[in-house]
Every structure is written in structure tokens, then in C-alpha cells.
């Protein structure tokens, strides 16, 4: 009987699934990809501790994985109490999945004259919820920690190396757009590929 998948194995398996689904032109949003991402978010034992640390002033964007061909990337967003993003877009598709706590997502629509208006009421994401973003459908939004007294963490999957994508922040009053590149809050990646303990256990069991 195979060993149950736990901990970091879950993240490793998801990345392998996304890599298999990706083609030469990139990774596209699909029911199979969304299902695998949703399944990952059903568990809370796989996110490396180093990618959960808040900053007292700014939300953090920790890179979990970037495809070697930059066809997709995955990050954890760590929100300190009351923290929020500016109004911004993405220029690539995305999935936003809630892992811990809760966040508020307010979407905007850009008018023909360049101004912004609210696109309906804000939505609230709870653990396990997944929201889809697509530039062709309008992906301008602002995200905020729903809690004023504790940390929230969401996991985002993007159709590109999101930390190196040139995108925009917007003045919510005037709609004026300004280019920005987010970068990442970390300088190193989680070590997903050290499977030595499992291999040694397998050798010991077969000895």
C-alpha cells in the first residue's frame, strides 16, 4: 500500500501536475489545473514555515516555485493584520487560493475614459476558497487581510514568472496607471526536492 501524501509532498506533487499540464506555449487555466490547485488548498500541512512569516509593515510575497521556462509560478502571500495591496492588475492569468485566515477582494472596472469604478461588492475568501483571475475578463483588484488582529495567508498560481512581470498599480480616484514589477520577498526557494528521508525509509523497509 502506498504511503499517504503529507506535508511538502503535496506541494511537490502539485508542481509535478502543473508541469505535466504545461505545453510549449505555457500553462493554461483548465478544469484539471483548478481541481488540482483546489485539492492542494484543502490541506494545511505543506507550506514551508519560512514562507509564512509576516512583515510588520508590508504584505510578503514568497516564491514557492517558478517553472524553469517561466510558464507559471506559485507564491504565498502573507498578510499582517490589516495589510492590503494597492489597486493593481496582473497581465497574466491567476488563481488565488485561501489557506489560512481570510482576505477581502474588491474588483474594479476601468472605464473608457480611464477612470475606475467598483465592480460590484467585495468578496471574502475563506480557507479552501479559490478565485480565478483573467486579464481578458478584467483583473484589476485590491486585496486586503480581512482580519485586523491576525495574519492571513493565501497561495497564488500565475501563468508566468509573476515577480518579473511588468504590470500596473492604479490610483483608485483618478484611475491613473503606473507600471510596477513586484519582485519577491525571499531570495531563496523552499527545498522541495530532498526526498532522502523517504528513500532511506524505503531502503530500511526492504532490507
N, C-alpha and C. Protein backbone atom coordinates (compact mmCIF):
# COMPACT_ATOMS: atom_id res chain seq x y z
N UNK A 1 0.85 -1.19 0.00
CA UNK A 1 0.00 0.00 0.00
C UNK A 1 0.89 1.24 0.00
N UNK A 2 0.63 2.21 -0.91
CA UNK A 2 1.48 3.41 -0.95
C UNK A 2 1.31 4.26 0.30
N UNK A 3 2.39 4.96 0.67
CA UNK A 3 2.34 5.84 1.83
C UNK A 3 1.43 7.03 1.52
N UNK A 4 0.64 7.52 2.50
CA UNK A 4 -0.20 8.69 2.26
C UNK A 4 0.65 9.92 1.98
N UNK A 5 0.12 10.81 1.14
CA UNK A 5 0.82 12.04 0.80
C UNK A 5 0.59 13.06 1.91
N UNK A 6 1.66 13.58 2.47
CA UNK A 6 1.54 14.57 3.53
C UNK A 6 2.60 15.65 3.33
N UNK A 7 2.46 16.74 4.06
CA UNK A 7 3.47 17.77 4.12
C UNK A 7 3.94 18.27 2.77
N UNK A 8 5.24 18.45 2.66
CA UNK A 8 5.84 19.03 1.47
C UNK A 8 5.60 18.18 0.21
N UNK A 9 5.31 16.89 0.41
CA UNK A 9 4.98 16.04 -0.73
C UNK A 9 3.80 16.61 -1.52
N UNK A 10 2.86 17.22 -0.82
CA UNK A 10 1.67 17.76 -1.51
C UNK A 10 2.08 18.85 -2.50
N UNK A 11 2.94 19.76 -2.06
CA UNK A 11 3.39 20.84 -2.93
C UNK A 11 4.19 20.27 -4.09
N UNK A 12 5.06 19.33 -3.82
CA UNK A 12 5.87 18.70 -4.87
C UNK A 12 4.97 18.02 -5.91
N UNK A 13 3.95 17.32 -5.45
CA UNK A 13 3.04 16.63 -6.37
C UNK A 13 2.24 17.63 -7.21
N UNK A 14 1.81 18.73 -6.58
CA UNK A 14 1.07 19.72 -7.36
C UNK A 14 1.95 20.33 -8.45
N UNK A 15 3.18 20.68 -8.11
CA UNK A 15 4.08 21.26 -9.10
C UNK A 15 4.32 20.28 -10.24
N UNK A 16 4.45 19.00 -9.92
CA UNK A 16 4.62 17.99 -10.98
C UNK A 16 3.38 17.95 -11.88
N UNK A 17 2.19 18.03 -11.28
CA UNK A 17 0.96 18.03 -12.07
C UNK A 17 0.89 19.25 -12.99
N UNK A 18 1.19 20.44 -12.46
CA UNK A 18 1.16 21.66 -13.27
C UNK A 18 2.18 21.58 -14.40
N UNK A 19 3.34 21.00 -14.13
CA UNK A 19 4.38 20.87 -15.15
C UNK A 19 3.93 19.94 -16.26
N UNK A 20 3.26 18.84 -15.90
CA UNK A 20 2.74 17.92 -16.92
C UNK A 20 1.66 18.57 -17.77
N UNK A 21 0.87 19.46 -17.17
CA UNK A 21 -0.21 20.12 -17.91
C UNK A 21 0.30 21.24 -18.81
N UNK A 22 1.48 21.74 -18.53
CA UNK A 22 2.03 22.85 -19.31
C UNK A 22 2.52 22.35 -20.66
N UNK A 23 2.32 23.17 -21.70
CA UNK A 23 2.82 22.88 -23.03
C UNK A 23 3.85 23.90 -23.44
N UNK A 24 4.36 23.79 -24.67
CA UNK A 24 5.37 24.75 -25.15
C UNK A 24 4.90 26.20 -25.07
N UNK A 25 3.60 26.41 -25.27
CA UNK A 25 3.08 27.78 -25.25
C UNK A 25 2.81 28.28 -23.84
N UNK A 26 2.93 27.41 -22.84
CA UNK A 26 2.70 27.82 -21.47
C UNK A 26 1.66 26.94 -20.79
N UNK A 27 1.33 27.30 -19.59
CA UNK A 27 0.31 26.61 -18.80
C UNK A 27 -0.98 27.41 -18.88
N UNK A 28 -2.06 26.77 -19.28
CA UNK A 28 -3.34 27.45 -19.42
C UNK A 28 -4.26 27.09 -18.26
N UNK A 29 -5.17 27.99 -17.94
CA UNK A 29 -6.20 27.66 -16.96
C UNK A 29 -7.06 26.55 -17.53
N UNK A 30 -7.42 25.59 -16.69
CA UNK A 30 -8.20 24.45 -17.13
C UNK A 30 -8.90 23.83 -15.93
N UNK A 31 -9.96 23.06 -16.15
CA UNK A 31 -10.60 22.37 -15.03
C UNK A 31 -9.64 21.45 -14.28
N UNK A 32 -8.73 20.78 -15.00
CA UNK A 32 -7.79 19.86 -14.35
C UNK A 32 -6.84 20.62 -13.44
N UNK A 33 -6.33 21.76 -13.91
CA UNK A 33 -5.41 22.56 -13.10
C UNK A 33 -6.13 23.13 -11.88
N UNK A 34 -7.31 23.68 -12.09
CA UNK A 34 -8.05 24.27 -10.97
C UNK A 34 -8.41 23.21 -9.94
N UNK A 35 -8.76 22.01 -10.40
CA UNK A 35 -9.09 20.93 -9.48
C UNK A 35 -7.88 20.54 -8.63
N UNK A 36 -6.71 20.44 -9.27
CA UNK A 36 -5.50 20.08 -8.53
C UNK A 36 -5.13 21.17 -7.52
N UNK A 37 -5.28 22.43 -7.91
CA UNK A 37 -4.97 23.54 -7.02
C UNK A 37 -5.94 23.56 -5.84
N UNK A 38 -7.22 23.34 -6.12
CA UNK A 38 -8.23 23.31 -5.06
C UNK A 38 -7.95 22.18 -4.08
N UNK A 39 -7.54 21.03 -4.59
CA UNK A 39 -7.20 19.90 -3.72
C UNK A 39 -6.02 20.24 -2.81
N UNK A 40 -5.02 20.92 -3.35
CA UNK A 40 -3.88 21.33 -2.53
C UNK A 40 -4.34 22.23 -1.38
N UNK A 41 -5.26 23.14 -1.67
CA UNK A 41 -5.72 24.10 -0.65
C UNK A 41 -6.61 23.46 0.42
N UNK A 42 -7.01 22.21 0.20
CA UNK A 42 -7.82 21.51 1.21
C UNK A 42 -6.97 21.09 2.40
N UNK A 43 -5.65 21.19 2.29
CA UNK A 43 -4.75 20.74 3.34
C UNK A 43 -3.88 21.90 3.82
N UNK A 44 -3.47 21.84 5.07
CA UNK A 44 -2.68 22.93 5.64
C UNK A 44 -1.44 22.38 6.34
N UNK A 45 -0.77 21.43 5.69
CA UNK A 45 0.43 20.85 6.30
C UNK A 45 1.64 20.91 5.39
N UNK A 46 1.56 21.70 4.32
CA UNK A 46 2.60 21.63 3.30
C UNK A 46 3.38 22.93 3.10
N UNK A 47 2.90 24.05 3.59
CA UNK A 47 3.56 25.32 3.33
C UNK A 47 4.78 25.46 4.23
N UNK A 48 5.99 25.64 3.65
CA UNK A 48 7.19 25.78 4.49
C UNK A 48 7.08 26.95 5.46
N UNK A 49 7.56 26.76 6.67
CA UNK A 49 7.43 27.76 7.72
C UNK A 49 8.04 29.09 7.31
N UNK A 50 9.15 29.05 6.57
CA UNK A 50 9.82 30.28 6.16
C UNK A 50 8.96 31.13 5.23
N UNK A 51 7.96 30.51 4.62
CA UNK A 51 7.08 31.22 3.69
C UNK A 51 5.77 31.65 4.34
N UNK A 52 5.77 31.72 5.68
CA UNK A 52 4.59 32.13 6.43
C UNK A 52 4.85 33.34 7.32
N UNK A 53 6.04 33.93 7.20
CA UNK A 53 6.46 34.97 8.14
C UNK A 53 5.97 36.35 7.67
N UNK A 54 5.19 37.05 8.50
CA UNK A 54 4.71 38.38 8.12
C UNK A 54 5.77 39.45 8.34
N UNK A 55 5.55 40.61 7.74
CA UNK A 55 6.37 41.80 7.97
C UNK A 55 5.50 42.80 8.72
N UNK A 56 6.06 43.58 9.64
CA UNK A 56 5.21 44.49 10.43
C UNK A 56 4.54 45.59 9.60
N UNK A 57 5.08 45.91 8.41
CA UNK A 57 4.50 46.99 7.61
C UNK A 57 3.91 46.54 6.29
N UNK A 58 4.54 45.56 5.63
CA UNK A 58 4.18 45.23 4.25
C UNK A 58 3.78 43.76 4.12
N UNK A 59 2.80 43.52 3.24
CA UNK A 59 2.50 42.12 2.93
C UNK A 59 3.72 41.50 2.24
N UNK A 60 3.86 40.19 2.39
CA UNK A 60 5.01 39.48 1.84
C UNK A 60 4.58 38.54 0.71
N UNK A 61 5.43 38.44 -0.31
CA UNK A 61 5.17 37.57 -1.47
C UNK A 61 6.36 36.62 -1.60
N UNK A 62 6.20 35.40 -1.07
CA UNK A 62 7.28 34.42 -1.06
C UNK A 62 7.15 33.49 -2.26
N UNK A 63 8.21 33.36 -3.03
CA UNK A 63 8.19 32.47 -4.18
C UNK A 63 8.31 31.02 -3.70
N UNK A 64 7.34 30.20 -4.06
CA UNK A 64 7.38 28.77 -3.75
C UNK A 64 7.99 27.97 -4.88
N UNK A 65 7.69 28.38 -6.12
CA UNK A 65 8.24 27.68 -7.29
C UNK A 65 8.04 28.54 -8.52
N UNK A 66 9.04 28.52 -9.41
CA UNK A 66 8.89 29.10 -10.74
C UNK A 66 9.34 28.06 -11.75
N UNK A 67 8.49 27.75 -12.70
CA UNK A 67 8.82 26.82 -13.77
C UNK A 67 10.11 27.28 -14.46
N UNK A 68 11.03 26.37 -14.80
CA UNK A 68 12.29 26.77 -15.43
C UNK A 68 12.11 27.55 -16.73
N UNK A 69 10.99 27.32 -17.43
CA UNK A 69 10.70 28.07 -18.64
C UNK A 69 9.80 29.27 -18.37
N UNK A 70 9.56 29.55 -17.08
CA UNK A 70 8.74 30.69 -16.63
C UNK A 70 7.32 30.62 -17.18
N UNK A 71 6.81 29.40 -17.36
CA UNK A 71 5.44 29.23 -17.83
C UNK A 71 4.42 29.43 -16.71
N UNK A 72 4.86 29.25 -15.47
CA UNK A 72 3.98 29.50 -14.33
C UNK A 72 4.83 29.71 -13.09
N UNK A 73 4.23 30.31 -12.09
CA UNK A 73 4.89 30.49 -10.79
C UNK A 73 3.86 30.37 -9.69
N UNK A 74 4.36 30.14 -8.49
CA UNK A 74 3.48 29.95 -7.35
C UNK A 74 4.07 30.68 -6.15
N UNK A 75 3.25 31.43 -5.45
CA UNK A 75 3.73 32.23 -4.32
C UNK A 75 2.77 32.10 -3.15
N UNK A 76 3.30 32.36 -1.95
CA UNK A 76 2.43 32.54 -0.78
C UNK A 76 2.41 34.02 -0.45
N UNK A 77 1.21 34.55 -0.25
CA UNK A 77 1.04 35.93 0.20
C UNK A 77 0.75 35.89 1.69
N UNK A 78 1.56 36.59 2.45
CA UNK A 78 1.39 36.63 3.90
C UNK A 78 0.98 38.05 4.29
N UNK A 79 -0.21 38.14 4.86
CA UNK A 79 -0.79 39.44 5.20
C UNK A 79 -0.72 39.65 6.71
N UNK A 80 -0.01 40.66 7.15
CA UNK A 80 -0.08 41.05 8.55
C UNK A 80 -1.44 41.66 8.84
N UNK A 81 -1.78 41.85 10.10
CA UNK A 81 -3.08 42.42 10.46
C UNK A 81 -3.36 43.72 9.72
N UNK A 82 -4.49 43.77 9.02
CA UNK A 82 -4.94 44.99 8.36
C UNK A 82 -4.19 45.37 7.10
N UNK A 83 -3.23 44.58 6.64
CA UNK A 83 -2.45 44.95 5.46
C UNK A 83 -3.24 44.73 4.17
N UNK A 84 -2.88 45.49 3.13
CA UNK A 84 -3.57 45.37 1.85
C UNK A 84 -2.64 45.74 0.71
N UNK A 85 -3.01 45.34 -0.50
CA UNK A 85 -2.27 45.73 -1.69
C UNK A 85 -2.79 47.08 -2.19
N UNK A 86 -2.04 47.73 -3.08
CA UNK A 86 -2.65 48.81 -3.86
C UNK A 86 -3.61 48.21 -4.87
N UNK A 87 -4.39 49.03 -5.52
CA UNK A 87 -5.20 48.56 -6.65
C UNK A 87 -4.23 48.22 -7.78
N UNK A 88 -4.35 47.03 -8.36
CA UNK A 88 -3.35 46.58 -9.32
C UNK A 88 -3.95 45.58 -10.31
N UNK A 89 -3.19 45.29 -11.38
CA UNK A 89 -3.56 44.22 -12.30
C UNK A 89 -2.43 43.20 -12.34
N UNK A 90 -2.51 42.24 -13.30
CA UNK A 90 -1.57 41.13 -13.30
C UNK A 90 -0.90 40.89 -14.66
N UNK A 91 -1.60 41.13 -15.76
CA UNK A 91 -1.10 40.91 -17.11
C UNK A 91 -0.95 39.42 -17.46
N UNK A 92 -1.20 38.53 -16.52
CA UNK A 92 -1.23 37.09 -16.75
C UNK A 92 -2.40 36.53 -15.95
N UNK A 93 -2.86 35.33 -16.31
CA UNK A 93 -3.95 34.73 -15.56
C UNK A 93 -3.47 34.30 -14.17
N UNK A 94 -4.42 34.05 -13.28
CA UNK A 94 -4.06 33.61 -11.95
C UNK A 94 -5.18 32.87 -11.24
N UNK A 95 -4.80 32.11 -10.24
CA UNK A 95 -5.74 31.55 -9.27
C UNK A 95 -5.30 32.03 -7.89
N UNK A 96 -6.24 32.47 -7.09
CA UNK A 96 -5.97 32.88 -5.71
C UNK A 96 -6.68 31.90 -4.79
N UNK A 97 -5.91 31.23 -3.95
CA UNK A 97 -6.49 30.25 -3.03
C UNK A 97 -6.21 30.63 -1.59
N UNK A 98 -7.22 30.54 -0.74
CA UNK A 98 -7.08 30.91 0.67
C UNK A 98 -6.62 29.70 1.47
N UNK A 99 -5.54 29.89 2.25
CA UNK A 99 -5.03 28.80 3.07
C UNK A 99 -5.33 29.02 4.55
N UNK A 100 -5.05 30.21 5.07
CA UNK A 100 -5.27 30.50 6.49
C UNK A 100 -5.87 31.89 6.63
N UNK A 101 -6.74 32.05 7.59
CA UNK A 101 -7.36 33.35 7.81
C UNK A 101 -8.39 33.67 6.73
N UNK A 102 -8.43 34.93 6.31
CA UNK A 102 -9.43 35.37 5.34
C UNK A 102 -8.95 36.65 4.68
N UNK A 103 -9.33 36.84 3.42
CA UNK A 103 -8.99 38.09 2.75
C UNK A 103 -10.18 38.62 1.97
N UNK A 104 -10.15 39.90 1.72
CA UNK A 104 -11.22 40.59 1.01
C UNK A 104 -10.70 41.01 -0.36
N UNK A 105 -11.46 40.69 -1.40
CA UNK A 105 -11.08 41.00 -2.77
C UNK A 105 -12.10 41.97 -3.36
N UNK A 106 -11.64 43.18 -3.67
CA UNK A 106 -12.51 44.17 -4.31
C UNK A 106 -12.06 44.36 -5.75
N UNK A 107 -12.92 44.01 -6.70
CA UNK A 107 -12.59 44.17 -8.12
C UNK A 107 -13.02 45.55 -8.61
N UNK A 108 -12.32 45.99 -9.67
CA UNK A 108 -12.60 47.27 -10.31
C UNK A 108 -12.75 47.05 -11.82
N UNK A 109 -13.47 47.96 -12.44
CA UNK A 109 -13.59 48.01 -13.90
C UNK A 109 -13.03 49.34 -14.37
N UNK A 110 -12.25 49.31 -15.44
CA UNK A 110 -11.71 50.55 -15.99
C UNK A 110 -12.63 51.05 -17.08
N UNK A 111 -13.06 52.30 -16.94
CA UNK A 111 -13.98 52.91 -17.89
C UNK A 111 -13.23 53.37 -19.15
N UNK A 112 -13.99 53.71 -20.18
CA UNK A 112 -13.40 54.15 -21.44
C UNK A 112 -12.56 55.41 -21.26
N UNK A 113 -12.91 56.26 -20.29
CA UNK A 113 -12.15 57.49 -20.06
C UNK A 113 -10.94 57.28 -19.14
N UNK A 114 -10.70 56.02 -18.75
CA UNK A 114 -9.55 55.71 -17.90
C UNK A 114 -9.85 55.65 -16.43
N UNK A 115 -11.03 56.11 -16.02
CA UNK A 115 -11.39 56.07 -14.61
C UNK A 115 -11.72 54.65 -14.15
N UNK A 116 -11.78 54.47 -12.83
CA UNK A 116 -12.13 53.18 -12.25
C UNK A 116 -13.47 53.26 -11.55
N UNK A 117 -14.19 52.16 -11.60
CA UNK A 117 -15.40 52.04 -10.78
C UNK A 117 -15.41 50.66 -10.14
N UNK A 118 -16.07 50.56 -9.00
CA UNK A 118 -16.17 49.28 -8.31
C UNK A 118 -16.96 48.29 -9.16
N UNK A 119 -16.48 47.08 -9.24
CA UNK A 119 -17.17 46.02 -9.99
C UNK A 119 -17.96 45.17 -8.99
N UNK A 120 -19.03 45.72 -8.49
CA UNK A 120 -19.86 45.00 -7.53
C UNK A 120 -19.28 45.05 -6.13
N UNK A 121 -19.88 44.27 -5.27
CA UNK A 121 -19.46 44.23 -3.87
C UNK A 121 -18.18 43.40 -3.73
N UNK A 122 -17.44 43.67 -2.68
CA UNK A 122 -16.23 42.89 -2.40
C UNK A 122 -16.60 41.47 -2.02
N UNK A 123 -15.73 40.53 -2.36
CA UNK A 123 -15.93 39.14 -1.97
C UNK A 123 -14.95 38.79 -0.86
N UNK A 124 -15.32 37.82 -0.05
CA UNK A 124 -14.48 37.37 1.05
C UNK A 124 -14.07 35.92 0.82
N UNK A 125 -12.77 35.66 0.84
CA UNK A 125 -12.26 34.31 0.67
C UNK A 125 -11.98 33.69 2.04
N UNK A 126 -12.41 32.45 2.20
CA UNK A 126 -12.17 31.68 3.41
C UNK A 126 -11.30 30.48 3.05
N UNK A 127 -10.67 29.82 4.03
CA UNK A 127 -9.79 28.70 3.72
C UNK A 127 -10.46 27.67 2.80
N UNK A 128 -9.73 27.32 1.75
CA UNK A 128 -10.22 26.38 0.75
C UNK A 128 -10.85 27.03 -0.46
N UNK A 129 -11.23 28.32 -0.36
CA UNK A 129 -11.83 29.02 -1.50
C UNK A 129 -10.76 29.34 -2.54
N UNK A 130 -11.16 29.29 -3.82
CA UNK A 130 -10.28 29.62 -4.93
C UNK A 130 -10.99 30.61 -5.83
N UNK A 131 -10.29 31.67 -6.20
CA UNK A 131 -10.84 32.68 -7.10
C UNK A 131 -9.98 32.74 -8.36
N UNK A 132 -10.63 32.90 -9.51
CA UNK A 132 -9.95 32.91 -10.80
C UNK A 132 -9.75 34.33 -11.28
N UNK A 133 -8.57 34.62 -11.86
CA UNK A 133 -8.27 35.91 -12.44
C UNK A 133 -7.88 35.72 -13.91
N UNK A 134 -8.38 36.58 -14.78
CA UNK A 134 -8.05 36.51 -16.20
C UNK A 134 -8.03 37.93 -16.76
N UNK A 135 -6.92 38.38 -17.34
CA UNK A 135 -6.85 39.75 -17.85
C UNK A 135 -7.94 40.08 -18.85
N UNK A 136 -8.29 39.13 -19.71
CA UNK A 136 -9.30 39.42 -20.74
C UNK A 136 -10.70 39.61 -20.15
N UNK A 137 -10.88 39.17 -18.91
CA UNK A 137 -12.17 39.34 -18.25
C UNK A 137 -12.15 40.51 -17.26
N UNK A 138 -11.00 41.14 -17.12
CA UNK A 138 -10.84 42.22 -16.14
C UNK A 138 -10.25 41.68 -14.86
N UNK A 139 -9.03 42.08 -14.54
CA UNK A 139 -8.35 41.53 -13.37
C UNK A 139 -7.77 42.62 -12.47
N UNK A 140 -8.38 43.81 -12.52
CA UNK A 140 -7.95 44.89 -11.64
C UNK A 140 -8.64 44.71 -10.29
N UNK A 141 -7.85 44.64 -9.23
CA UNK A 141 -8.46 44.46 -7.91
C UNK A 141 -7.54 44.96 -6.80
N UNK A 142 -8.10 45.00 -5.60
CA UNK A 142 -7.35 45.28 -4.39
C UNK A 142 -7.66 44.18 -3.39
N UNK A 143 -6.62 43.68 -2.74
CA UNK A 143 -6.77 42.57 -1.79
C UNK A 143 -6.35 43.04 -0.40
N UNK A 144 -7.13 42.66 0.60
CA UNK A 144 -6.86 43.09 1.98
C UNK A 144 -7.03 41.91 2.93
N UNK A 145 -6.24 41.91 3.99
CA UNK A 145 -6.46 40.97 5.08
C UNK A 145 -7.80 41.31 5.73
N UNK A 146 -8.68 40.33 5.85
CA UNK A 146 -9.98 40.58 6.45
C UNK A 146 -9.88 40.76 7.97
N UNK A 147 -8.73 40.42 8.53
CA UNK A 147 -8.58 40.47 9.99
C UNK A 147 -7.65 41.61 10.41
N UNK A 148 -8.06 42.35 11.39
CA UNK A 148 -7.25 43.44 11.93
C UNK A 148 -6.35 42.99 13.07
N UNK A 149 -6.47 41.71 13.47
CA UNK A 149 -5.74 41.26 14.66
C UNK A 149 -4.94 39.99 14.44
N UNK A 150 -4.88 39.48 13.20
CA UNK A 150 -4.08 38.28 12.98
C UNK A 150 -3.67 38.15 11.51
N UNK A 151 -2.73 37.25 11.29
CA UNK A 151 -2.16 37.01 9.96
C UNK A 151 -3.11 36.17 9.12
N UNK A 152 -3.15 36.47 7.83
CA UNK A 152 -3.83 35.62 6.85
C UNK A 152 -2.83 35.24 5.77
N UNK A 153 -3.02 34.06 5.17
CA UNK A 153 -2.10 33.57 4.13
C UNK A 153 -2.92 33.01 2.97
N UNK A 154 -2.61 33.50 1.76
CA UNK A 154 -3.20 32.95 0.55
C UNK A 154 -2.09 32.46 -0.36
N UNK A 155 -2.44 31.55 -1.25
CA UNK A 155 -1.49 30.97 -2.19
C UNK A 155 -1.96 31.31 -3.59
N UNK A 156 -1.05 31.84 -4.42
CA UNK A 156 -1.42 32.31 -5.76
C UNK A 156 -0.63 31.53 -6.80
N UNK A 157 -1.32 31.14 -7.85
CA UNK A 157 -0.70 30.48 -9.00
C UNK A 157 -0.90 31.39 -10.20
N UNK A 158 0.19 31.67 -10.94
CA UNK A 158 0.13 32.61 -12.06
C UNK A 158 0.68 31.98 -13.34
N UNK A 159 0.20 32.47 -14.47
CA UNK A 159 0.64 31.99 -15.77
C UNK A 159 1.88 32.70 -16.26
N UNK A 160 2.90 32.80 -15.45
CA UNK A 160 4.16 33.45 -15.79
C UNK A 160 4.96 33.65 -14.52
N UNK A 161 6.16 34.19 -14.66
CA UNK A 161 7.02 34.50 -13.51
C UNK A 161 6.55 35.83 -12.93
N UNK A 162 5.57 35.78 -12.03
CA UNK A 162 4.84 36.98 -11.64
C UNK A 162 5.75 38.05 -11.03
N UNK A 163 6.83 37.67 -10.39
CA UNK A 163 7.71 38.65 -9.79
C UNK A 163 8.48 39.48 -10.81
N UNK A 164 8.51 39.01 -12.07
CA UNK A 164 9.24 39.71 -13.13
C UNK A 164 8.31 40.28 -14.20
N UNK A 165 7.00 40.19 -13.99
CA UNK A 165 6.04 40.70 -14.97
C UNK A 165 5.83 42.20 -14.76
N UNK A 166 5.93 42.97 -15.83
CA UNK A 166 5.62 44.40 -15.75
C UNK A 166 4.12 44.58 -15.80
N UNK A 167 3.56 45.09 -14.72
CA UNK A 167 2.11 45.31 -14.64
C UNK A 167 1.83 46.70 -14.11
N UNK A 168 0.66 46.92 -13.50
CA UNK A 168 0.28 48.29 -13.17
C UNK A 168 -0.36 48.38 -11.78
N UNK A 169 -0.09 49.49 -11.12
CA UNK A 169 -0.89 49.90 -9.97
C UNK A 169 -1.71 51.11 -10.41
N UNK A 170 -2.87 51.30 -9.76
CA UNK A 170 -3.82 52.33 -10.18
C UNK A 170 -4.17 53.24 -9.02
N UNK A 171 -4.32 54.50 -9.32
CA UNK A 171 -4.90 55.44 -8.37
C UNK A 171 -6.41 55.19 -8.38
N UNK A 172 -6.99 54.76 -7.26
CA UNK A 172 -8.42 54.42 -7.27
C UNK A 172 -9.34 55.60 -7.52
N UNK A 173 -8.84 56.83 -7.34
CA UNK A 173 -9.66 58.02 -7.55
C UNK A 173 -9.61 58.47 -9.00
N UNK A 174 -8.40 58.57 -9.54
CA UNK A 174 -8.24 59.09 -10.91
C UNK A 174 -8.16 57.99 -11.96
N UNK A 175 -7.82 56.78 -11.54
CA UNK A 175 -7.61 55.68 -12.49
C UNK A 175 -6.25 55.70 -13.14
N UNK A 176 -5.40 56.65 -12.77
CA UNK A 176 -4.08 56.75 -13.39
C UNK A 176 -3.28 55.48 -13.11
N UNK A 177 -2.69 54.91 -14.19
CA UNK A 177 -1.92 53.68 -14.08
C UNK A 177 -0.44 53.98 -14.04
N UNK A 178 0.28 53.23 -13.21
CA UNK A 178 1.74 53.38 -13.12
C UNK A 178 2.35 51.99 -13.18
N UNK A 179 3.34 51.76 -14.06
CA UNK A 179 3.94 50.42 -14.15
C UNK A 179 4.69 50.05 -12.89
N UNK A 180 4.67 48.75 -12.56
CA UNK A 180 5.48 48.26 -11.45
C UNK A 180 5.84 46.80 -11.69
N UNK A 181 6.90 46.37 -11.04
CA UNK A 181 7.33 44.96 -11.05
C UNK A 181 7.47 44.56 -9.59
N UNK A 182 6.76 43.53 -9.18
CA UNK A 182 6.64 43.25 -7.75
C UNK A 182 7.90 42.64 -7.14
N UNK A 183 8.62 41.81 -7.90
CA UNK A 183 9.71 41.06 -7.29
C UNK A 183 9.17 40.08 -6.26
N UNK A 184 10.06 39.60 -5.40
CA UNK A 184 9.68 38.64 -4.35
C UNK A 184 10.27 39.07 -3.02
N UNK A 185 9.65 38.62 -1.95
CA UNK A 185 10.11 38.96 -0.61
C UNK A 185 11.25 38.06 -0.13
N UNK A 186 11.49 36.95 -0.83
CA UNK A 186 12.52 36.00 -0.43
C UNK A 186 13.61 35.94 -1.49
N UNK A 187 14.79 35.54 -1.08
CA UNK A 187 15.91 35.41 -2.02
C UNK A 187 16.25 33.95 -2.30
N UNK A 188 15.53 33.03 -1.68
CA UNK A 188 15.79 31.61 -1.90
C UNK A 188 14.47 30.86 -1.97
N UNK A 189 14.52 29.67 -2.56
CA UNK A 189 13.34 28.84 -2.74
C UNK A 189 13.28 27.75 -1.67
N UNK A 190 12.08 27.27 -1.31
CA UNK A 190 11.99 26.09 -0.46
C UNK A 190 12.64 24.89 -1.14
N UNK A 191 13.30 24.06 -0.35
CA UNK A 191 13.91 22.85 -0.90
C UNK A 191 12.85 21.75 -0.99
N UNK A 192 12.26 21.64 -2.18
CA UNK A 192 11.19 20.66 -2.39
C UNK A 192 11.72 19.27 -2.74
N UNK A 193 13.00 19.20 -3.08
CA UNK A 193 13.47 18.00 -3.78
C UNK A 193 14.34 17.09 -2.94
N UNK A 194 14.51 17.38 -1.66
CA UNK A 194 15.25 16.47 -0.79
C UNK A 194 14.28 15.39 -0.30
N UNK A 195 14.28 14.26 -1.01
CA UNK A 195 13.41 13.14 -0.64
C UNK A 195 14.21 12.04 0.05
N UNK A 196 15.35 12.41 0.60
CA UNK A 196 16.27 11.40 1.14
C UNK A 196 15.67 10.61 2.29
N UNK A 197 14.90 11.26 3.16
CA UNK A 197 14.33 10.53 4.30
C UNK A 197 13.40 9.42 3.83
N UNK A 198 12.55 9.73 2.83
CA UNK A 198 11.62 8.72 2.33
C UNK A 198 12.37 7.58 1.63
N UNK A 199 13.41 7.93 0.89
CA UNK A 199 14.19 6.90 0.19
C UNK A 199 14.90 6.00 1.19
N UNK A 200 15.49 6.61 2.23
CA UNK A 200 16.17 5.81 3.26
C UNK A 200 15.18 4.89 3.98
N UNK A 201 13.99 5.43 4.25
CA UNK A 201 12.98 4.60 4.92
C UNK A 201 12.60 3.42 4.05
N UNK A 202 12.49 3.64 2.73
CA UNK A 202 12.17 2.56 1.82
C UNK A 202 13.27 1.51 1.79
N UNK A 203 14.52 1.96 1.82
CA UNK A 203 15.65 1.01 1.83
C UNK A 203 15.64 0.19 3.11
N UNK A 204 15.36 0.88 4.23
CA UNK A 204 15.35 0.16 5.52
C UNK A 204 14.23 -0.87 5.55
N UNK A 205 13.08 -0.52 4.97
CA UNK A 205 11.94 -1.44 4.99
C UNK A 205 12.19 -2.68 4.12
N UNK A 206 12.99 -2.50 3.06
CA UNK A 206 13.24 -3.63 2.15
C UNK A 206 14.45 -4.45 2.54
N UNK A 207 15.18 -3.97 3.58
CA UNK A 207 16.41 -4.68 3.97
C UNK A 207 16.08 -5.97 4.70
